[in-house]
N, C-alpha and C. Protein backbone atom coordinates (compact mmCIF):
# COMPACT_ATOMS: atom_id res chain seq x y z
N MET A 1 49.66 -56.20 75.43
CA MET A 1 50.65 -56.52 76.52
C MET A 1 49.96 -58.08 77.22
N GLY A 2 48.85 -58.07 76.99
CA GLY A 2 48.13 -59.35 77.56
C GLY A 2 48.37 -60.67 76.80
N ALA A 3 48.70 -60.32 75.13
CA ALA A 3 49.21 -61.38 74.44
C ALA A 3 50.65 -61.74 74.87
N VAL A 4 51.36 -60.85 75.15
CA VAL A 4 52.93 -61.15 75.34
C VAL A 4 52.88 -61.81 76.71
N ALA A 5 52.21 -61.43 77.84
CA ALA A 5 52.11 -62.02 79.09
C ALA A 5 51.76 -63.56 78.84
N ALA A 6 50.76 -63.61 78.03
CA ALA A 6 50.39 -65.17 77.93
C ALA A 6 51.24 -65.76 77.20
N GLN A 7 51.86 -65.23 76.20
CA GLN A 7 52.90 -66.23 75.49
C GLN A 7 54.23 -66.78 76.38
N VAL A 8 54.28 -65.76 77.36
CA VAL A 8 55.51 -66.22 78.32
C VAL A 8 54.83 -66.59 79.50
N GLY A 9 53.80 -67.01 79.63
CA GLY A 9 53.12 -67.81 80.88
C GLY A 9 53.16 -67.03 82.02
N LEU A 10 53.08 -65.55 81.99
CA LEU A 10 52.95 -64.60 82.94
C LEU A 10 51.68 -63.94 83.25
N SER A 11 51.62 -63.56 84.37
CA SER A 11 50.56 -62.47 84.37
C SER A 11 51.00 -60.99 84.08
N GLN A 12 50.06 -59.91 83.65
CA GLN A 12 50.53 -58.69 83.28
C GLN A 12 51.18 -58.05 84.27
N PRO A 13 50.67 -57.87 85.57
CA PRO A 13 51.55 -57.32 86.67
C PRO A 13 52.90 -57.98 86.66
N ARG A 14 53.18 -59.18 86.90
CA ARG A 14 54.33 -59.94 86.84
C ARG A 14 55.50 -59.43 85.67
N LEU A 15 54.83 -59.61 84.47
CA LEU A 15 55.64 -59.14 83.44
C LEU A 15 56.20 -57.86 83.53
N ARG A 16 55.28 -56.95 83.91
CA ARG A 16 55.88 -55.67 84.32
C ARG A 16 56.98 -55.40 85.38
N THR A 17 56.36 -56.16 86.24
CA THR A 17 57.60 -56.24 87.48
C THR A 17 59.10 -56.62 87.05
N LEU A 18 59.09 -57.57 86.37
CA LEU A 18 60.03 -58.56 85.69
C LEU A 18 60.74 -57.42 84.81
N VAL A 19 60.32 -56.79 83.71
CA VAL A 19 61.01 -55.74 82.93
C VAL A 19 61.41 -54.86 83.65
N ARG A 20 60.79 -54.17 84.56
CA ARG A 20 61.27 -53.05 85.36
C ARG A 20 62.52 -53.48 86.05
N ASP A 21 62.40 -54.60 86.84
CA ASP A 21 63.35 -55.15 87.55
C ASP A 21 64.86 -55.64 86.51
N TRP A 22 64.62 -56.11 85.62
CA TRP A 22 65.70 -56.46 84.78
C TRP A 22 66.39 -55.58 83.81
N VAL A 23 65.37 -54.76 83.23
CA VAL A 23 65.75 -53.76 82.22
C VAL A 23 66.01 -52.40 82.97
N GLY A 24 65.30 -52.14 84.19
CA GLY A 24 65.57 -50.75 84.80
C GLY A 24 64.62 -49.67 84.37
N ILE A 25 63.76 -49.87 83.50
CA ILE A 25 62.77 -48.92 83.09
C ILE A 25 61.41 -49.63 83.14
N PRO A 26 60.47 -48.98 83.18
CA PRO A 26 59.06 -49.45 83.12
C PRO A 26 58.63 -49.92 81.61
N LEU A 27 57.98 -50.85 81.57
CA LEU A 27 57.48 -51.58 80.20
C LEU A 27 56.94 -50.53 79.28
N PRO A 28 56.15 -49.70 79.67
CA PRO A 28 55.65 -48.86 78.72
C PRO A 28 56.72 -47.58 78.22
N ARG A 29 57.81 -47.27 78.95
CA ARG A 29 58.85 -46.57 78.66
C ARG A 29 59.44 -47.60 77.55
N LEU A 30 59.88 -48.70 77.93
CA LEU A 30 60.48 -49.47 76.98
C LEU A 30 59.88 -49.55 75.60
N ARG A 31 58.57 -49.70 75.67
CA ARG A 31 57.78 -49.72 74.56
C ARG A 31 57.89 -48.38 73.64
N LEU A 32 58.00 -47.37 74.20
CA LEU A 32 58.18 -45.97 73.74
C LEU A 32 59.51 -45.91 73.04
N TRP A 33 60.53 -46.50 73.44
CA TRP A 33 61.92 -46.47 72.89
C TRP A 33 61.97 -47.29 71.66
N ALA A 34 61.32 -48.59 71.84
CA ALA A 34 61.17 -49.26 70.80
C ALA A 34 60.43 -48.75 69.53
N MET A 35 59.35 -48.02 69.92
CA MET A 35 58.75 -47.33 68.81
C MET A 35 59.38 -46.12 68.25
N LEU A 36 60.28 -45.42 69.17
CA LEU A 36 60.90 -44.45 68.62
C LEU A 36 62.09 -44.81 67.57
N ARG A 37 62.75 -45.86 68.28
CA ARG A 37 63.81 -46.37 67.26
C ARG A 37 63.21 -46.89 65.88
N THR A 38 62.05 -47.53 65.86
CA THR A 38 61.49 -47.88 64.55
C THR A 38 61.06 -46.74 63.67
N ALA A 39 60.52 -45.71 64.48
CA ALA A 39 60.23 -44.48 63.44
C ALA A 39 61.50 -43.82 62.91
N MET A 40 62.74 -43.76 63.66
CA MET A 40 63.87 -43.40 63.22
C MET A 40 64.48 -44.06 62.27
N THR A 41 64.44 -45.46 62.06
CA THR A 41 65.01 -46.28 60.99
C THR A 41 64.08 -45.90 59.60
N GLU A 42 62.72 -45.65 59.97
CA GLU A 42 62.09 -45.40 58.60
C GLU A 42 62.26 -43.64 58.13
N LEU A 43 62.57 -42.77 59.02
CA LEU A 43 62.59 -41.59 58.52
C LEU A 43 63.46 -41.08 57.40
N PRO A 44 64.54 -41.71 57.42
CA PRO A 44 65.52 -41.26 56.22
C PRO A 44 64.71 -41.39 54.77
N ALA A 45 63.79 -42.56 54.83
CA ALA A 45 63.31 -42.88 53.59
C ALA A 45 61.69 -42.44 53.40
N GLU A 46 61.21 -41.81 54.51
CA GLU A 46 59.67 -41.80 54.70
C GLU A 46 59.49 -40.43 55.32
N SER A 47 58.53 -39.81 54.95
CA SER A 47 57.96 -38.60 55.97
C SER A 47 57.69 -39.03 57.16
N ALA A 48 57.84 -37.96 58.16
CA ALA A 48 57.68 -38.16 59.50
C ALA A 48 56.35 -38.64 59.75
N ALA A 49 55.33 -38.16 59.17
CA ALA A 49 53.94 -38.67 59.74
C ALA A 49 54.12 -40.43 58.94
N ALA A 50 54.49 -40.55 58.00
CA ALA A 50 54.59 -42.22 57.68
C ALA A 50 55.29 -42.96 58.35
N ALA A 51 56.40 -42.36 58.93
CA ALA A 51 57.40 -43.00 60.14
C ALA A 51 56.61 -43.30 61.37
N ALA A 52 55.97 -42.31 61.70
CA ALA A 52 55.16 -42.26 63.00
C ALA A 52 54.02 -43.37 62.80
N ALA A 53 53.30 -43.38 61.75
CA ALA A 53 52.22 -44.58 61.56
C ALA A 53 52.88 -45.76 61.48
N PHE A 54 54.08 -45.97 60.85
CA PHE A 54 54.60 -47.33 60.76
C PHE A 54 55.11 -47.93 62.07
N ALA A 55 55.38 -46.94 63.00
CA ALA A 55 56.21 -47.08 64.38
C ALA A 55 55.05 -47.27 65.43
N GLY A 56 53.76 -46.93 65.02
CA GLY A 56 52.61 -47.08 65.86
C GLY A 56 52.20 -45.92 66.79
N PHE A 57 52.82 -44.74 66.55
CA PHE A 57 52.47 -43.61 67.01
C PHE A 57 51.05 -43.06 66.42
N ALA A 58 50.18 -42.36 67.00
CA ALA A 58 49.09 -41.82 66.80
C ALA A 58 49.19 -41.01 65.69
N ASP A 59 50.02 -40.10 65.94
CA ASP A 59 50.36 -39.08 64.57
C ASP A 59 51.85 -38.50 64.87
N GLN A 60 52.07 -37.50 63.96
CA GLN A 60 53.23 -37.11 63.95
C GLN A 60 53.71 -36.14 65.15
N ALA A 61 52.96 -35.41 65.87
CA ALA A 61 53.02 -34.82 66.89
C ALA A 61 53.57 -35.68 68.08
N TYR A 62 52.87 -36.82 68.07
CA TYR A 62 53.18 -37.75 69.39
C TYR A 62 54.66 -38.31 69.26
N LEU A 63 55.10 -38.52 67.92
CA LEU A 63 56.47 -38.99 67.76
C LEU A 63 57.34 -37.84 67.99
N THR A 64 57.03 -36.73 67.53
CA THR A 64 57.88 -35.38 68.22
C THR A 64 58.01 -35.44 69.68
N ARG A 65 56.90 -35.40 70.26
CA ARG A 65 56.85 -35.21 71.72
C ARG A 65 57.73 -36.20 72.30
N THR A 66 57.49 -37.65 71.95
CA THR A 66 58.27 -38.56 72.47
C THR A 66 59.83 -38.53 72.40
N ALA A 67 59.88 -38.15 70.96
CA ALA A 67 61.61 -38.01 70.76
C ALA A 67 62.16 -36.96 71.55
N ARG A 68 61.28 -35.85 71.88
CA ARG A 68 61.83 -34.57 72.72
C ARG A 68 61.77 -35.22 74.15
N THR A 69 61.11 -35.92 74.66
CA THR A 69 60.96 -36.39 76.01
C THR A 69 62.18 -37.50 76.30
N LEU A 70 62.24 -38.56 75.31
CA LEU A 70 63.33 -39.75 75.56
C LEU A 70 64.62 -39.22 75.25
N ALA A 71 65.02 -38.32 74.02
CA ALA A 71 66.10 -38.18 73.65
C ALA A 71 66.52 -36.67 73.77
N GLY A 72 65.71 -35.85 74.10
CA GLY A 72 65.92 -34.43 74.16
C GLY A 72 66.23 -33.73 73.04
N ARG A 73 65.84 -34.26 71.81
CA ARG A 73 65.55 -33.67 70.41
C ARG A 73 64.51 -34.06 69.59
N ILE A 74 64.27 -33.51 68.79
CA ILE A 74 63.10 -33.74 67.55
C ILE A 74 63.72 -34.60 66.55
N PRO A 75 62.99 -35.59 66.15
CA PRO A 75 63.49 -36.14 65.07
C PRO A 75 64.41 -35.66 63.94
N SER A 76 64.28 -34.60 63.52
CA SER A 76 65.03 -33.85 62.58
C SER A 76 66.54 -33.66 62.98
N GLU A 77 66.60 -33.28 64.43
CA GLU A 77 67.83 -33.10 64.99
C GLU A 77 68.46 -34.31 65.18
N ILE A 78 67.75 -35.32 65.43
CA ILE A 78 68.31 -36.58 65.85
C ILE A 78 69.23 -36.95 64.61
N LEU A 79 68.41 -36.73 63.28
CA LEU A 79 68.90 -37.44 62.01
C LEU A 79 69.81 -36.39 61.28
N ARG A 80 70.03 -35.39 61.93
CA ARG A 80 70.88 -34.24 61.12
C ARG A 80 72.36 -34.74 61.28
N PRO A 81 73.02 -34.68 60.20
CA PRO A 81 74.49 -35.07 60.22
C PRO A 81 75.61 -34.26 60.77
N GLY A 82 76.22 -34.98 61.83
CA GLY A 82 77.05 -34.30 62.58
C GLY A 82 76.35 -33.88 63.72
N ALA A 83 75.31 -34.09 64.17
CA ALA A 83 74.52 -33.66 65.30
C ALA A 83 75.03 -34.58 66.50
N SER A 84 75.48 -33.89 67.76
CA SER A 84 76.01 -34.61 68.76
C SER A 84 74.70 -35.38 69.45
N GLY A 85 75.30 -36.72 70.12
CA GLY A 85 74.30 -37.44 70.78
C GLY A 85 73.63 -36.49 72.09
N ALA A 86 74.19 -35.38 72.58
CA ALA A 86 73.72 -34.97 73.70
C ALA A 86 72.71 -33.62 73.14
N PRO A 87 71.92 -33.56 74.28
CA PRO A 87 70.85 -32.42 73.89
C PRO A 87 71.42 -31.09 73.95
N ALA A 88 71.15 -30.21 73.16
CA ALA A 88 71.55 -28.73 73.17
C ALA A 88 71.24 -28.22 74.37
């Protein structure tokens, strides 16, 4: 976070505030969404553990908890053909 703030010439608190104001969610949650998206793009070709590691999750369980929290589904349910976008 410090490196990103320095690259754009802002303090970390100011960067957090701007992201929350412009995007509507806190920066840490935005980062989790990005990590989840990265993991989900790897899952069709990789194991869940490999996709989790590639995306920056500490382990597969953290990926699963994050998917359930953010999307209301575990990764296998998100990828299942014909699965609706809404949680069951």
